[in-house]
Amino acid sequence: MEIAAYVLLVALVLQYSLLESRIKKIQRRADRIEHKLDLILDHLDIEVVGPDLRRVTALLREGKKVEAIKAYRQLTDAGLKEAKEAVERIDATRG
């Protein structure tokens, strides 16, 4: 039984390593594609306008950080962690 557990553990570590490697490869490819897209947009002189974050800023002014994070998520379809970090950056630059 103990040997089977060790074999399973080794197999899981190897699978995790392979999965992590694939994820890094996909991320690098996505980064290259995003860079190429940025170059194309610059060449065509196209400006990408982000979402209107005035509501988020207003909620931060009122001291409603949780509501600001919720509003940011609704506007951007961001995950909770990403939204929290973004709202904290907005709050820090705000003042």
Protein backbone atom coordinates (compact mmCIF):
# COMPACT_ATOMS: atom_id res chain seq x y z
CA MET A 1 0.00 0.00 0.00
CA GLU A 2 2.82 2.40 0.88
CA ILE A 3 4.60 1.79 -2.43
CA ALA A 4 1.38 2.45 -4.36
CA ALA A 5 1.00 5.77 -2.56
CA TYR A 6 4.56 6.78 -3.48
CA VAL A 7 4.03 5.76 -7.10
CA LEU A 8 0.83 7.78 -7.20
CA LEU A 9 2.58 10.77 -5.66
CA VAL A 10 5.40 10.61 -8.21
CA ALA A 11 2.87 10.32 -11.04
CA LEU A 12 0.99 13.36 -9.76
CA VAL A 13 4.18 15.40 -9.48
CA LEU A 14 5.14 14.48 -13.04
CA GLN A 15 1.67 15.36 -14.31
CA TYR A 16 1.78 18.70 -12.50
CA SER A 17 5.20 19.42 -14.00
CA LEU A 18 3.97 18.64 -17.51
CA LEU A 19 0.83 20.71 -17.01
CA GLU A 20 2.81 23.64 -15.66
CA SER A 21 5.15 23.45 -18.65
CA ARG A 22 2.22 23.49 -21.06
CA ILE A 23 0.62 26.44 -19.30
CA LYS A 24 3.87 28.43 -19.50
CA LYS A 25 4.17 27.60 -23.20
CA ILE A 26 0.59 28.74 -23.84
CA GLN A 27 1.19 31.94 -21.84
CA ARG A 28 4.32 32.76 -23.85
CA ARG A 29 2.39 32.18 -27.08
CA ALA A 30 -0.49 34.39 -25.88
CA ASP A 31 2.02 37.11 -24.94
CA ARG A 32 3.56 36.97 -28.43
CA ILE A 33 0.12 37.17 -30.06
CA GLU A 34 -0.85 40.11 -27.85
CA HIS A 35 2.38 41.90 -28.77
CA LYS A 36 1.72 41.35 -32.48
CA LEU A 37 -1.83 42.63 -32.07
CA ASP A 38 -0.53 45.74 -30.31
CA LEU A 39 1.87 46.35 -33.21
CA ILE A 40 -0.96 46.00 -35.73
CA LEU A 41 -3.20 48.37 -33.78
CA ASP A 42 -0.37 50.91 -33.54
CA HIS A 43 0.36 50.59 -37.26
CA LEU A 44 -3.30 51.14 -38.12
CA ASP A 45 -3.48 53.97 -35.58
CA ILE A 46 -6.38 52.31 -33.76
CA GLU A 47 -6.91 53.15 -30.10
CA VAL A 48 -8.60 50.58 -27.91
CA VAL A 49 -10.86 52.24 -25.38
CA GLY A 50 -11.29 50.43 -22.07
CA PRO A 51 -14.43 50.30 -19.96
CA ASP A 52 -15.79 53.46 -18.33
CA LEU A 53 -14.65 53.18 -14.73
CA ARG A 54 -16.29 56.35 -13.40
CA ARG A 55 -18.75 54.32 -11.32
CA VAL A 56 -15.85 52.40 -9.74
CA THR A 57 -14.06 55.66 -8.91
CA ALA A 58 -17.25 57.15 -7.47
CA LEU A 59 -17.76 54.13 -5.23
CA LEU A 60 -14.17 54.41 -4.03
CA ARG A 61 -14.71 58.09 -3.20
CA GLU A 62 -17.69 57.03 -1.09
CA GLY A 63 -15.51 54.49 0.71
CA LYS A 64 -17.38 51.53 -0.78
CA LYS A 65 -14.46 49.36 -1.85
CA VAL A 66 -16.38 46.06 -1.97
CA GLU A 67 -19.07 47.61 -4.17
CA ALA A 68 -16.33 49.11 -6.37
CA ILE A 69 -14.82 45.65 -6.85
CA LYS A 70 -18.24 44.25 -7.76
CA ALA A 71 -18.81 47.07 -10.25
CA TYR A 72 -15.37 46.52 -11.77
CA ARG A 73 -16.12 42.81 -12.20
CA GLN A 74 -19.41 43.59 -13.93
CA LEU A 75 -17.76 46.06 -16.29
CA THR A 76 -14.77 43.94 -17.20
CA ASP A 77 -15.73 40.29 -16.54
CA ALA A 78 -12.59 40.08 -14.38
CA GLY A 79 -12.12 37.49 -11.68
CA LEU A 80 -12.29 38.45 -8.02
CA LYS A 81 -8.53 38.63 -7.46
CA GLU A 82 -7.90 40.57 -10.67
CA ALA A 83 -10.72 43.00 -9.87
CA LYS A 84 -9.51 43.53 -6.30
CA GLU A 85 -5.97 44.27 -7.49
CA ALA A 86 -7.22 46.64 -10.20
CA VAL A 87 -9.49 48.52 -7.80
CA GLU A 88 -6.64 48.82 -5.32
CA ARG A 89 -4.43 50.29 -8.08
CA ILE A 90 -7.19 52.75 -9.02
CA ASP A 91 -7.59 53.69 -5.37
CA ALA A 92 -3.84 54.21 -4.93
CA THR A 93 -3.57 56.46 -8.00
CA ARG A 94 -6.70 58.33 -6.99
CA GLY A 95 -5.11 59.74 -4.07
